[in-house]
Amino acid sequence: MRELRHIVVEGPIGVGKTTLARRLAESLGADLMLERADENPFLERFYQDPRGAAFPTQLYFLMQRAEQMRALRQSDLFQPRWVADFLFDKDRVFAELNLDEQELSLYDKVYRELALEAPTPDLVIYLQAPVDVLLRRIAQRGLPYEQGISADYLNRLCEAYIQLFYHYDRSPLLIVNCREINLVDSDRDYEMLLDRVRSIGSGRHYFNPAPLGL
């Protein structure tokens, strides 16, 4: 197995990235870094009033992730292994999706002032699923502030992720089709993915297994 010290799991809301990150951290004996979305005091307001609350929501996430990146760089002195459920590059994806032109300009100024340097992951796992699957999983997990998320917003978010990873080349990338598999509840599906992660090389890879019985 190639040494994977820094693994990132990414994908749109409801795709299962946090649960997968937890499982991978446990399997690989790694530290876990989560984006802690539930700590953002503006998030619930954002889902109720996206236009009015977008900027403070995004700014809070930017400051929170900057703090996590600094902590990660300090911990690198001891060379731990860690798994995260967010890629720092995704902060800009949400900023472009949710902020108007003036807000985005101010966001960029704050970003530059922070002088952020996110470490490059050894592997990024990008989870994909259709919007109907995402909506179903969001409903199943039952977080109150997520229940107002619209199909239109998820469509735009999924397209933004596609664009991000179409151009992404800083790390080996594993693109996982989650339409027919369940990495949260199925041990079979998870073990297949784990085997693939352990054998991954450089470049871009795809994981699209047939569902059980096919």
N, C-alpha and C. Protein backbone atom coordinates (compact mmCIF):
# COMPACT_ATOMS: atom_id res chain seq x y z
N MET A 1 0.85 -1.20 0.00
CA MET A 1 0.00 0.00 0.00
C MET A 1 0.88 1.25 0.00
N ARG A 2 0.65 2.14 -0.96
CA ARG A 2 1.33 3.43 -0.96
C ARG A 2 0.92 4.21 0.28
N GLU A 3 1.88 4.89 0.91
CA GLU A 3 1.55 5.61 2.13
C GLU A 3 0.58 6.75 1.82
N LEU A 4 -0.54 6.72 2.50
CA LEU A 4 -1.55 7.76 2.36
C LEU A 4 -1.70 8.45 3.71
N ARG A 5 -1.00 9.55 3.88
CA ARG A 5 -1.05 10.26 5.15
C ARG A 5 -2.22 11.23 5.20
N HIS A 6 -2.56 11.83 4.07
CA HIS A 6 -3.63 12.83 4.03
C HIS A 6 -4.67 12.40 3.00
N ILE A 7 -5.83 12.01 3.46
CA ILE A 7 -6.94 11.61 2.58
C ILE A 7 -8.09 12.57 2.80
N VAL A 8 -8.69 13.02 1.71
CA VAL A 8 -9.85 13.91 1.77
C VAL A 8 -11.02 13.24 1.07
N VAL A 9 -12.18 13.28 1.71
CA VAL A 9 -13.42 12.81 1.10
C VAL A 9 -14.28 14.03 0.80
N GLU A 10 -14.75 14.14 -0.44
CA GLU A 10 -15.54 15.31 -0.84
C GLU A 10 -16.77 14.89 -1.63
N GLY A 11 -17.68 15.85 -1.79
CA GLY A 11 -18.90 15.63 -2.54
C GLY A 11 -20.01 16.51 -2.02
N PRO A 12 -21.13 16.56 -2.74
CA PRO A 12 -22.23 17.46 -2.37
C PRO A 12 -22.94 17.03 -1.10
N ILE A 13 -23.80 17.91 -0.61
CA ILE A 13 -24.57 17.67 0.61
C ILE A 13 -25.39 16.39 0.47
N GLY A 14 -25.30 15.52 1.47
CA GLY A 14 -26.11 14.31 1.49
C GLY A 14 -25.49 13.10 0.85
N VAL A 15 -24.27 13.23 0.29
CA VAL A 15 -23.68 12.10 -0.42
C VAL A 15 -23.01 11.10 0.51
N GLY A 16 -22.78 11.47 1.78
CA GLY A 16 -22.22 10.53 2.75
C GLY A 16 -20.74 10.70 3.03
N LYS A 17 -20.19 11.88 2.77
CA LYS A 17 -18.75 12.05 2.90
C LYS A 17 -18.27 12.00 4.36
N THR A 18 -19.06 12.53 5.29
CA THR A 18 -18.62 12.54 6.68
C THR A 18 -18.60 11.12 7.26
N THR A 19 -19.62 10.35 6.97
CA THR A 19 -19.66 8.97 7.46
C THR A 19 -18.54 8.15 6.85
N LEU A 20 -18.29 8.33 5.56
CA LEU A 20 -17.18 7.60 4.93
C LEU A 20 -15.84 8.02 5.53
N ALA A 21 -15.66 9.31 5.78
CA ALA A 21 -14.41 9.77 6.39
C ALA A 21 -14.21 9.12 7.76
N ARG A 22 -15.28 9.02 8.53
CA ARG A 22 -15.19 8.36 9.84
C ARG A 22 -14.76 6.90 9.68
N ARG A 23 -15.36 6.19 8.75
CA ARG A 23 -15.05 4.77 8.56
C ARG A 23 -13.60 4.58 8.09
N LEU A 24 -13.17 5.43 7.18
CA LEU A 24 -11.79 5.34 6.69
C LEU A 24 -10.79 5.64 7.79
N ALA A 25 -11.07 6.65 8.59
CA ALA A 25 -10.16 6.99 9.69
C ALA A 25 -10.02 5.81 10.65
N GLU A 26 -11.13 5.15 10.94
CA GLU A 26 -11.09 4.00 11.84
C GLU A 26 -10.33 2.84 11.21
N SER A 27 -10.57 2.56 9.94
CA SER A 27 -9.91 1.44 9.26
C SER A 27 -8.41 1.66 9.11
N LEU A 28 -8.01 2.90 8.88
CA LEU A 28 -6.62 3.21 8.60
C LEU A 28 -5.85 3.68 9.82
N GLY A 29 -6.51 3.74 10.97
CA GLY A 29 -5.85 4.22 12.18
C GLY A 29 -5.42 5.66 12.07
N ALA A 30 -6.29 6.49 11.47
CA ALA A 30 -5.95 7.89 11.19
C ALA A 30 -6.71 8.84 12.11
N ASP A 31 -6.17 10.05 12.26
CA ASP A 31 -6.91 11.11 12.90
C ASP A 31 -8.03 11.58 11.96
N LEU A 32 -9.06 12.18 12.53
CA LEU A 32 -10.22 12.61 11.76
C LEU A 32 -10.36 14.11 11.87
N MET A 33 -10.53 14.78 10.73
CA MET A 33 -10.79 16.21 10.71
C MET A 33 -12.10 16.46 9.98
N LEU A 34 -13.10 16.99 10.68
CA LEU A 34 -14.41 17.27 10.10
C LEU A 34 -14.62 18.77 9.98
N GLU A 35 -15.46 19.18 9.02
CA GLU A 35 -15.64 20.61 8.81
C GLU A 35 -16.57 21.27 9.83
N ARG A 36 -17.25 20.51 10.66
CA ARG A 36 -18.03 21.01 11.79
C ARG A 36 -19.08 22.04 11.34
N ALA A 37 -19.85 21.66 10.32
CA ALA A 37 -20.86 22.58 9.78
C ALA A 37 -21.90 22.97 10.83
N ASP A 38 -22.19 22.05 11.76
CA ASP A 38 -23.22 22.34 12.76
C ASP A 38 -22.80 23.43 13.74
N GLU A 39 -21.53 23.82 13.73
CA GLU A 39 -21.07 24.91 14.60
C GLU A 39 -21.28 26.28 13.96
N ASN A 40 -21.60 26.31 12.68
CA ASN A 40 -21.79 27.59 11.99
C ASN A 40 -23.12 28.20 12.42
N PRO A 41 -23.11 29.32 13.15
CA PRO A 41 -24.36 29.88 13.68
C PRO A 41 -25.25 30.49 12.60
N PHE A 42 -24.72 30.65 11.39
CA PHE A 42 -25.49 31.27 10.31
C PHE A 42 -26.10 30.25 9.36
N LEU A 43 -25.76 28.96 9.51
CA LEU A 43 -26.13 27.98 8.50
C LEU A 43 -27.64 27.78 8.41
N GLU A 44 -28.30 27.65 9.54
CA GLU A 44 -29.75 27.46 9.51
C GLU A 44 -30.44 28.66 8.87
N ARG A 45 -29.95 29.85 9.20
CA ARG A 45 -30.51 31.06 8.59
C ARG A 45 -30.28 31.08 7.08
N PHE A 46 -29.11 30.55 6.66
CA PHE A 46 -28.82 30.51 5.22
C PHE A 46 -29.83 29.66 4.47
N TYR A 47 -30.16 28.48 5.01
CA TYR A 47 -31.12 27.62 4.32
C TYR A 47 -32.52 28.22 4.31
N GLN A 48 -32.81 29.09 5.27
CA GLN A 48 -34.10 29.77 5.28
C GLN A 48 -34.11 31.01 4.39
N ASP A 49 -32.97 31.70 4.31
CA ASP A 49 -32.86 32.93 3.54
C ASP A 49 -31.48 32.97 2.86
N PRO A 50 -31.30 32.20 1.79
CA PRO A 50 -29.98 32.09 1.16
C PRO A 50 -29.38 33.43 0.76
N ARG A 51 -30.17 34.30 0.20
CA ARG A 51 -29.63 35.58 -0.26
C ARG A 51 -29.18 36.45 0.91
N GLY A 52 -29.96 36.47 1.99
CA GLY A 52 -29.65 37.36 3.09
C GLY A 52 -28.52 36.88 3.99
N ALA A 53 -28.32 35.58 4.07
CA ALA A 53 -27.35 35.04 5.03
C ALA A 53 -26.13 34.41 4.37
N ALA A 54 -26.01 34.52 3.07
CA ALA A 54 -24.91 33.84 2.37
C ALA A 54 -23.54 34.32 2.82
N PHE A 55 -23.37 35.64 2.92
CA PHE A 55 -22.02 36.15 3.20
C PHE A 55 -21.53 35.78 4.60
N PRO A 56 -22.29 36.01 5.68
CA PRO A 56 -21.76 35.61 6.99
C PRO A 56 -21.57 34.09 7.10
N THR A 57 -22.43 33.33 6.44
CA THR A 57 -22.26 31.87 6.45
C THR A 57 -20.95 31.48 5.81
N GLN A 58 -20.65 32.06 4.65
CA GLN A 58 -19.43 31.72 3.93
C GLN A 58 -18.19 32.21 4.66
N LEU A 59 -18.28 33.40 5.24
CA LEU A 59 -17.13 33.95 5.95
C LEU A 59 -16.81 33.11 7.18
N TYR A 60 -17.84 32.65 7.88
CA TYR A 60 -17.61 31.80 9.04
C TYR A 60 -16.90 30.52 8.62
N PHE A 61 -17.36 29.89 7.55
CA PHE A 61 -16.71 28.67 7.08
C PHE A 61 -15.26 28.93 6.68
N LEU A 62 -15.00 30.06 6.04
CA LEU A 62 -13.63 30.38 5.63
C LEU A 62 -12.72 30.50 6.85
N MET A 63 -13.16 31.23 7.88
CA MET A 63 -12.35 31.39 9.07
C MET A 63 -12.16 30.06 9.80
N GLN A 64 -13.22 29.26 9.86
CA GLN A 64 -13.14 27.97 10.53
C GLN A 64 -12.13 27.06 9.81
N ARG A 65 -12.21 27.01 8.50
CA ARG A 65 -11.30 26.13 7.74
C ARG A 65 -9.87 26.63 7.80
N ALA A 66 -9.69 27.96 7.84
CA ALA A 66 -8.34 28.50 7.99
C ALA A 66 -7.73 28.05 9.31
N GLU A 67 -8.52 28.08 10.37
CA GLU A 67 -8.04 27.63 11.67
C GLU A 67 -7.67 26.15 11.64
N GLN A 68 -8.48 25.35 10.94
CA GLN A 68 -8.19 23.92 10.85
C GLN A 68 -6.93 23.66 10.04
N MET A 69 -6.72 24.43 8.97
CA MET A 69 -5.52 24.25 8.17
C MET A 69 -4.26 24.59 8.96
N ARG A 70 -4.33 25.63 9.78
CA ARG A 70 -3.18 25.98 10.62
C ARG A 70 -2.88 24.87 11.62
N ALA A 71 -3.93 24.34 12.23
CA ALA A 71 -3.74 23.24 13.19
C ALA A 71 -3.14 22.03 12.49
N LEU A 72 -3.57 21.78 11.26
CA LEU A 72 -3.06 20.64 10.52
C LEU A 72 -1.59 20.82 10.19
N ARG A 73 -1.21 22.02 9.80
CA ARG A 73 0.20 22.25 9.48
C ARG A 73 1.08 22.07 10.71
N GLN A 74 0.60 22.46 11.87
CA GLN A 74 1.37 22.25 13.10
C GLN A 74 1.47 20.77 13.43
N SER A 75 0.40 20.03 13.22
CA SER A 75 0.42 18.60 13.53
C SER A 75 1.31 17.83 12.56
N ASP A 76 1.54 18.39 11.37
CA ASP A 76 2.39 17.71 10.39
C ASP A 76 3.81 17.51 10.91
N LEU A 77 4.21 18.29 11.91
CA LEU A 77 5.54 18.10 12.49
C LEU A 77 5.69 16.70 13.06
N PHE A 78 4.60 16.12 13.48
CA PHE A 78 4.63 14.78 14.07
C PHE A 78 4.18 13.70 13.09
N GLN A 79 3.89 14.12 11.86
CA GLN A 79 3.56 13.23 10.75
C GLN A 79 2.46 12.22 11.10
N PRO A 80 1.31 12.68 11.53
CA PRO A 80 0.21 11.74 11.73
C PRO A 80 -0.46 11.41 10.40
N ARG A 81 -1.32 10.44 10.42
CA ARG A 81 -2.19 10.15 9.28
C ARG A 81 -3.56 10.71 9.60
N TRP A 82 -4.20 11.37 8.63
CA TRP A 82 -5.51 11.94 8.93
C TRP A 82 -6.42 11.83 7.72
N VAL A 83 -7.72 11.81 8.01
CA VAL A 83 -8.76 11.79 6.99
C VAL A 83 -9.69 12.96 7.27
N ALA A 84 -10.01 13.74 6.22
CA ALA A 84 -10.89 14.90 6.36
C ALA A 84 -12.11 14.74 5.47
N ASP A 85 -13.21 15.38 5.86
CA ASP A 85 -14.42 15.34 5.04
C ASP A 85 -14.61 16.64 4.26
N PHE A 86 -13.52 17.38 4.03
CA PHE A 86 -13.61 18.56 3.19
C PHE A 86 -12.25 18.87 2.57
N LEU A 87 -12.30 19.38 1.37
CA LEU A 87 -11.14 19.88 0.64
C LEU A 87 -11.18 21.39 0.71
N PHE A 88 -10.07 22.02 1.04
CA PHE A 88 -10.12 23.46 1.23
C PHE A 88 -10.56 24.18 -0.05
N ASP A 89 -10.23 23.62 -1.21
CA ASP A 89 -10.61 24.23 -2.48
C ASP A 89 -12.12 24.41 -2.61
N LYS A 90 -12.90 23.61 -1.89
CA LYS A 90 -14.35 23.67 -2.04
C LYS A 90 -14.93 24.95 -1.44
N ASP A 91 -14.18 25.63 -0.59
CA ASP A 91 -14.70 26.87 -0.01
C ASP A 91 -15.01 27.88 -1.10
N ARG A 92 -14.13 27.95 -2.08
CA ARG A 92 -14.34 28.88 -3.20
C ARG A 92 -15.54 28.45 -4.04
N VAL A 93 -15.77 27.14 -4.16
CA VAL A 93 -16.93 26.64 -4.91
C VAL A 93 -18.23 27.20 -4.32
N PHE A 94 -18.36 27.10 -3.00
CA PHE A 94 -19.57 27.59 -2.34
C PHE A 94 -19.65 29.12 -2.39
N ALA A 95 -18.50 29.79 -2.32
CA ALA A 95 -18.50 31.25 -2.40
C ALA A 95 -19.02 31.71 -3.76
N GLU A 96 -18.55 31.10 -4.83
CA GLU A 96 -18.99 31.48 -6.17
C GLU A 96 -20.47 31.14 -6.38
N LEU A 97 -20.92 30.08 -5.75
CA LEU A 97 -22.30 29.64 -5.91
C LEU A 97 -23.28 30.56 -5.18
N ASN A 98 -22.87 31.09 -4.02
CA ASN A 98 -23.82 31.75 -3.13
C ASN A 98 -23.66 33.26 -2.98
N LEU A 99 -22.51 33.81 -3.35
CA LEU A 99 -22.26 35.23 -3.11
C LEU A 99 -22.48 36.05 -4.38
N ASP A 100 -22.90 37.31 -4.19
CA ASP A 100 -22.98 38.19 -5.35
C ASP A 100 -21.59 38.76 -5.64
N GLU A 101 -21.49 39.57 -6.67
CA GLU A 101 -20.19 40.03 -7.15
C GLU A 101 -19.43 40.82 -6.09
N GLN A 102 -20.11 41.73 -5.41
CA GLN A 102 -19.44 42.54 -4.38
C GLN A 102 -19.02 41.69 -3.19
N GLU A 103 -19.88 40.79 -2.77
CA GLU A 103 -19.55 39.91 -1.64
C GLU A 103 -18.37 39.01 -1.99
N LEU A 104 -18.35 38.52 -3.22
CA LEU A 104 -17.25 37.65 -3.63
C LEU A 104 -15.93 38.41 -3.66
N SER A 105 -15.97 39.67 -4.06
CA SER A 105 -14.77 40.50 -4.05
C SER A 105 -14.25 40.67 -2.63
N LEU A 106 -15.14 40.92 -1.68
CA LEU A 106 -14.73 41.07 -0.29
C LEU A 106 -14.23 39.74 0.28
N TYR A 107 -14.90 38.67 -0.08
CA TYR A 107 -14.45 37.33 0.33
C TYR A 107 -13.01 37.09 -0.13
N ASP A 108 -12.72 37.45 -1.38
CA ASP A 108 -11.37 37.24 -1.91
C ASP A 108 -10.33 38.06 -1.15
N LYS A 109 -10.70 39.26 -0.74
CA LYS A 109 -9.77 40.09 0.04
C LYS A 109 -9.47 39.43 1.39
N VAL A 110 -10.49 38.93 2.04
CA VAL A 110 -10.28 38.24 3.32
C VAL A 110 -9.42 37.01 3.12
N TYR A 111 -9.70 36.27 2.06
CA TYR A 111 -8.93 35.06 1.75
C TYR A 111 -7.44 35.40 1.59
N ARG A 112 -7.16 36.46 0.83
CA ARG A 112 -5.76 36.84 0.61
C ARG A 112 -5.09 37.29 1.89
N GLU A 113 -5.82 37.99 2.76
CA GLU A 113 -5.27 38.45 4.03
C GLU A 113 -4.90 37.26 4.93
N LEU A 114 -5.66 36.21 4.84
CA LEU A 114 -5.37 35.03 5.66
C LEU A 114 -4.13 34.29 5.17
N ALA A 115 -3.72 34.55 3.93
CA ALA A 115 -2.52 33.93 3.36
C ALA A 115 -2.53 32.42 3.58
N LEU A 116 -3.61 31.80 3.14
CA LEU A 116 -3.81 30.38 3.43
C LEU A 116 -3.00 29.50 2.48
N GLU A 117 -2.43 28.47 3.06
CA GLU A 117 -1.75 27.45 2.28
C GLU A 117 -2.23 26.09 2.77
N ALA A 118 -3.15 25.50 2.05
CA ALA A 118 -3.66 24.20 2.46
C ALA A 118 -2.71 23.11 1.99
N PRO A 119 -2.44 22.13 2.83
CA PRO A 119 -1.57 21.03 2.42
C PRO A 119 -2.21 20.23 1.29
N THR A 120 -1.39 19.65 0.45
CA THR A 120 -1.88 18.86 -0.68
C THR A 120 -2.18 17.44 -0.22
N PRO A 121 -3.41 16.96 -0.40
CA PRO A 121 -3.73 15.58 0.02
C PRO A 121 -2.97 14.55 -0.79
N ASP A 122 -2.79 13.37 -0.21
CA ASP A 122 -2.22 12.24 -0.94
C ASP A 122 -3.28 11.54 -1.77
N LEU A 123 -4.55 11.74 -1.43
CA LEU A 123 -5.66 11.18 -2.18
C LEU A 123 -6.92 11.97 -1.89
N VAL A 124 -7.67 12.29 -2.94
CA VAL A 124 -9.00 12.88 -2.80
C VAL A 124 -10.02 11.88 -3.33
N ILE A 125 -11.04 11.60 -2.51
CA ILE A 125 -12.13 10.72 -2.91
C ILE A 125 -13.36 11.59 -3.14
N TYR A 126 -13.80 11.65 -4.37
CA TYR A 126 -14.93 12.51 -4.75
C TYR A 126 -16.17 11.64 -4.94
N LEU A 127 -17.16 11.80 -4.07
CA LEU A 127 -18.39 11.03 -4.11
C LEU A 127 -19.43 11.75 -4.94
N GLN A 128 -20.04 11.04 -5.88
CA GLN A 128 -21.09 11.58 -6.73
C GLN A 128 -22.38 10.81 -6.53
N ALA A 129 -23.52 11.49 -6.67
CA ALA A 129 -24.83 10.84 -6.66
C ALA A 129 -25.82 11.78 -7.32
N PRO A 130 -26.86 11.23 -7.95
CA PRO A 130 -27.90 12.09 -8.56
C PRO A 130 -28.64 12.87 -7.49
N VAL A 131 -29.27 13.96 -7.92
CA VAL A 131 -29.96 14.84 -6.99
C VAL A 131 -31.08 14.13 -6.25
N ASP A 132 -31.82 13.22 -6.93
CA ASP A 132 -32.91 12.52 -6.24
C ASP A 132 -32.39 11.64 -5.11
N VAL A 133 -31.21 11.05 -5.31
CA VAL A 133 -30.58 10.25 -4.25
C VAL A 133 -30.16 11.15 -3.10
N LEU A 134 -29.58 12.29 -3.40
CA LEU A 134 -29.15 13.23 -2.36
C LEU A 134 -30.34 13.71 -1.54
N LEU A 135 -31.42 14.06 -2.22
CA LEU A 135 -32.61 14.53 -1.50
C LEU A 135 -33.17 13.45 -0.58
N ARG A 136 -33.16 12.22 -1.05
CA ARG A 136 -33.66 11.12 -0.21
C ARG A 136 -32.79 10.93 1.02
N ARG A 137 -31.50 11.00 0.85
CA ARG A 137 -30.59 10.81 1.99
C ARG A 137 -30.65 11.99 2.96
N ILE A 138 -30.82 13.18 2.43
CA ILE A 138 -30.99 14.35 3.30
C ILE A 138 -32.24 14.19 4.16
N ALA A 139 -33.33 13.72 3.54
CA ALA A 139 -34.57 13.51 4.28
C ALA A 139 -34.40 12.42 5.34
N GLN A 140 -33.65 11.37 5.00
CA GLN A 140 -33.47 10.25 5.92
C GLN A 140 -32.67 10.63 7.15
N ARG A 141 -31.66 11.49 6.97
CA ARG A 141 -30.85 11.82 8.14
C ARG A 141 -31.52 12.89 9.00
N GLY A 142 -32.47 13.62 8.45
CA GLY A 142 -33.40 14.40 9.25
C GLY A 142 -32.86 15.61 9.97
N LEU A 143 -31.76 16.21 9.48
CA LEU A 143 -31.28 17.45 10.11
C LEU A 143 -32.25 18.57 9.78
N PRO A 144 -32.85 19.22 10.79
CA PRO A 144 -33.92 20.19 10.52
C PRO A 144 -33.52 21.29 9.54
N TYR A 145 -32.30 21.83 9.70
CA TYR A 145 -31.93 22.98 8.87
C TYR A 145 -31.67 22.59 7.42
N GLU A 146 -31.54 21.27 7.13
CA GLU A 146 -31.30 20.84 5.76
C GLU A 146 -32.58 20.55 4.98
N GLN A 147 -33.71 20.48 5.66
CA GLN A 147 -34.92 20.00 5.00
C GLN A 147 -35.46 20.98 3.96
N GLY A 148 -35.02 22.21 4.00
CA GLY A 148 -35.46 23.18 3.01
C GLY A 148 -34.57 23.26 1.78
N ILE A 149 -33.54 22.42 1.70
CA ILE A 149 -32.65 22.46 0.54
C ILE A 149 -33.42 22.03 -0.70
N SER A 150 -33.35 22.81 -1.74
CA SER A 150 -34.13 22.54 -2.95
C SER A 150 -33.35 21.70 -3.95
N ALA A 151 -34.09 21.05 -4.83
CA ALA A 151 -33.47 20.28 -5.91
C ALA A 151 -32.66 21.21 -6.82
N ASP A 152 -33.15 22.43 -7.03
CA ASP A 152 -32.43 23.38 -7.89
C ASP A 152 -31.07 23.73 -7.29
N TYR A 153 -31.03 23.98 -5.97
CA TYR A 153 -29.75 24.30 -5.33
C TYR A 153 -28.79 23.11 -5.43
N LEU A 154 -29.30 21.91 -5.19
CA LEU A 154 -28.44 20.73 -5.28
C LEU A 154 -27.93 20.52 -6.70
N ASN A 155 -28.77 20.78 -7.70
CA ASN A 155 -28.33 20.67 -9.09
C ASN A 155 -27.18 21.61 -9.37
N ARG A 156 -27.30 22.85 -8.90
CA ARG A 156 -26.24 23.83 -9.13
C ARG A 156 -24.98 23.46 -8.36
N LEU A 157 -25.17 22.92 -7.16
CA LEU A 157 -24.02 22.50 -6.35
C LEU A 157 -23.29 21.33 -7.00
N CYS A 158 -24.05 20.35 -7.48
CA CYS A 158 -23.43 19.19 -8.14
C CYS A 158 -22.65 19.62 -9.38
N GLU A 159 -23.22 20.55 -10.14
CA GLU A 159 -22.52 21.04 -11.32
C GLU A 159 -21.23 21.77 -10.93
N ALA A 160 -21.27 22.53 -9.84
CA ALA A 160 -20.06 23.22 -9.37
C ALA A 160 -18.98 22.22 -8.96
N TYR A 161 -19.37 21.14 -8.32
CA TYR A 161 -18.41 20.10 -7.95
C TYR A 161 -17.82 19.44 -9.19
N ILE A 162 -18.66 19.18 -10.19
CA ILE A 162 -18.16 18.58 -11.43
C ILE A 162 -17.09 19.46 -12.06
N GLN A 163 -17.35 20.75 -12.08
CA GLN A 163 -16.37 21.69 -12.64
C GLN A 163 -15.09 21.72 -11.82
N LEU A 164 -15.22 21.70 -10.50
CA LEU A 164 -14.04 21.70 -9.63
C LEU A 164 -13.15 20.51 -9.94
N PHE A 165 -13.73 19.33 -9.98
CA PHE A 165 -12.91 18.13 -10.14
C PHE A 165 -12.56 17.81 -11.58
N TYR A 166 -13.25 18.44 -12.52
CA TYR A 166 -12.83 18.32 -13.92
C TYR A 166 -11.43 18.90 -14.10
N HIS A 167 -11.17 19.99 -13.37
CA HIS A 167 -9.88 20.67 -13.50
C HIS A 167 -8.88 20.28 -12.42
N TYR A 168 -9.30 19.53 -11.41
CA TYR A 168 -8.43 19.25 -10.26
C TYR A 168 -7.34 18.26 -10.64
N ASP A 169 -6.08 18.63 -10.35
CA ASP A 169 -4.97 17.73 -10.67
C ASP A 169 -3.84 17.79 -9.63
N ARG A 170 -4.13 18.34 -8.47
CA ARG A 170 -3.07 18.47 -7.45
C ARG A 170 -2.80 17.17 -6.72
N SER A 171 -3.74 16.24 -6.75
CA SER A 171 -3.61 14.98 -6.00
C SER A 171 -4.19 13.85 -6.84
N PRO A 172 -3.81 12.61 -6.53
CA PRO A 172 -4.57 11.49 -7.09
C PRO A 172 -6.04 11.64 -6.72
N LEU A 173 -6.91 11.30 -7.67
CA LEU A 173 -8.35 11.52 -7.49
C LEU A 173 -9.09 10.22 -7.78
N LEU A 174 -9.94 9.82 -6.84
CA LEU A 174 -10.80 8.64 -7.02
C LEU A 174 -12.24 9.14 -7.06
N ILE A 175 -12.89 8.99 -8.21
CA ILE A 175 -14.28 9.43 -8.40
C ILE A 175 -15.19 8.23 -8.19
N VAL A 176 -16.10 8.36 -7.22
CA VAL A 176 -16.95 7.24 -6.80
C VAL A 176 -18.40 7.53 -7.15
N ASN A 177 -19.01 6.63 -7.91
CA ASN A 177 -20.43 6.73 -8.24
C ASN A 177 -21.23 6.07 -7.12
N CYS A 178 -21.96 6.87 -6.35
CA CYS A 178 -22.69 6.36 -5.19
C CYS A 178 -24.17 6.11 -5.49
N ARG A 179 -24.54 6.12 -6.76
CA ARG A 179 -25.96 5.95 -7.09
C ARG A 179 -26.49 4.60 -6.62
N GLU A 180 -25.73 3.54 -6.87
CA GLU A 180 -26.22 2.18 -6.60
C GLU A 180 -25.54 1.50 -5.41
N ILE A 181 -24.64 2.21 -4.74
CA ILE A 181 -23.95 1.60 -3.60
C ILE A 181 -24.19 2.43 -2.35
N ASN A 182 -24.00 1.82 -1.21
CA ASN A 182 -24.25 2.47 0.08
C ASN A 182 -23.01 2.31 0.95
N LEU A 183 -22.18 3.33 0.96
CA LEU A 183 -20.93 3.28 1.72
C LEU A 183 -21.15 3.55 3.20
N VAL A 184 -22.37 3.94 3.55
CA VAL A 184 -22.70 4.21 4.94
C VAL A 184 -23.12 2.94 5.67
N ASP A 185 -24.03 2.18 5.08
CA ASP A 185 -24.63 1.04 5.77
C ASP A 185 -24.18 -0.32 5.26
N SER A 186 -23.58 -0.37 4.08
CA SER A 186 -23.20 -1.66 3.49
C SER A 186 -21.72 -1.95 3.73
N ASP A 187 -21.42 -2.98 4.52
CA ASP A 187 -20.03 -3.36 4.74
C ASP A 187 -19.39 -3.86 3.45
N ARG A 188 -20.18 -4.56 2.61
CA ARG A 188 -19.65 -5.06 1.34
C ARG A 188 -19.18 -3.91 0.46
N ASP A 189 -20.02 -2.90 0.30
CA ASP A 189 -19.66 -1.77 -0.55
C ASP A 189 -18.45 -1.03 0.03
N TYR A 190 -18.44 -0.87 1.34
CA TYR A 190 -17.33 -0.15 1.97
C TYR A 190 -16.02 -0.90 1.80
N GLU A 191 -16.04 -2.23 2.01
CA GLU A 191 -14.80 -3.01 1.89
C GLU A 191 -14.26 -2.98 0.47
N MET A 192 -15.15 -2.99 -0.54
CA MET A 192 -14.69 -2.87 -1.92
C MET A 192 -13.99 -1.54 -2.14
N LEU A 193 -14.56 -0.47 -1.61
CA LEU A 193 -13.93 0.83 -1.76
C LEU A 193 -12.60 0.88 -1.02
N LEU A 194 -12.56 0.33 0.18
CA LEU A 194 -11.32 0.35 0.98
C LEU A 194 -10.21 -0.39 0.25
N ASP A 195 -10.53 -1.52 -0.38
CA ASP A 195 -9.53 -2.24 -1.17
C ASP A 195 -9.01 -1.37 -2.30
N ARG A 196 -9.91 -0.64 -2.93
CA ARG A 196 -9.49 0.23 -4.03
C ARG A 196 -8.59 1.36 -3.51
N VAL A 197 -8.95 1.94 -2.39
CA VAL A 197 -8.14 3.01 -1.80
C VAL A 197 -6.74 2.51 -1.50
N ARG A 198 -6.63 1.33 -0.97
CA ARG A 198 -5.33 0.78 -0.59
C ARG A 198 -4.43 0.48 -1.78
N SER A 199 -5.02 0.36 -2.95
CA SER A 199 -4.23 0.02 -4.14
C SER A 199 -4.09 1.19 -5.11
N ILE A 200 -4.56 2.36 -4.72
CA ILE A 200 -4.64 3.47 -5.66
C ILE A 200 -3.25 3.98 -6.01
N GLY A 201 -3.08 4.40 -7.24
CA GLY A 201 -1.82 5.01 -7.69
C GLY A 201 -2.03 6.48 -8.01
N SER A 202 -1.15 7.02 -8.81
CA SER A 202 -1.27 8.43 -9.19
C SER A 202 -2.33 8.59 -10.27
N GLY A 203 -2.73 9.83 -10.51
CA GLY A 203 -3.66 10.09 -11.59
C GLY A 203 -5.12 10.05 -11.15
N ARG A 204 -5.99 9.87 -12.13
CA ARG A 204 -7.43 9.91 -11.94
C ARG A 204 -7.99 8.50 -12.08
N HIS A 205 -8.88 8.12 -11.14
CA HIS A 205 -9.43 6.77 -11.11
C HIS A 205 -10.94 6.84 -10.89
N TYR A 206 -11.62 5.74 -11.24
CA TYR A 206 -13.08 5.68 -11.11
C TYR A 206 -13.48 4.40 -10.38
N PHE A 207 -14.49 4.52 -9.53
CA PHE A 207 -15.02 3.38 -8.78
C PHE A 207 -16.53 3.36 -9.03
N ASN A 208 -16.97 2.40 -9.83
CA ASN A 208 -18.37 2.36 -10.24
C ASN A 208 -18.86 0.90 -10.23
N PRO A 209 -18.89 0.27 -9.05
CA PRO A 209 -19.24 -1.16 -8.99
C PRO A 209 -20.73 -1.38 -9.24
N ALA A 210 -21.04 -2.55 -9.76
CA ALA A 210 -22.45 -2.92 -9.94
C ALA A 210 -23.06 -3.24 -8.58
N PRO A 211 -24.33 -2.94 -8.38
CA PRO A 211 -24.98 -3.30 -7.11
C PRO A 211 -25.05 -4.81 -6.94
N LEU A 212 -25.17 -5.25 -5.72
CA LEU A 212 -25.22 -6.68 -5.41
C LEU A 212 -26.33 -7.35 -6.19
N GLY A 213 -25.99 -8.49 -6.81
CA GLY A 213 -26.98 -9.27 -7.53
C GLY A 213 -26.98 -9.04 -9.01
N LEU A 214 -26.20 -8.04 -9.49
CA LEU A 214 -26.12 -7.79 -10.93
C LEU A 214 -24.84 -8.34 -11.50
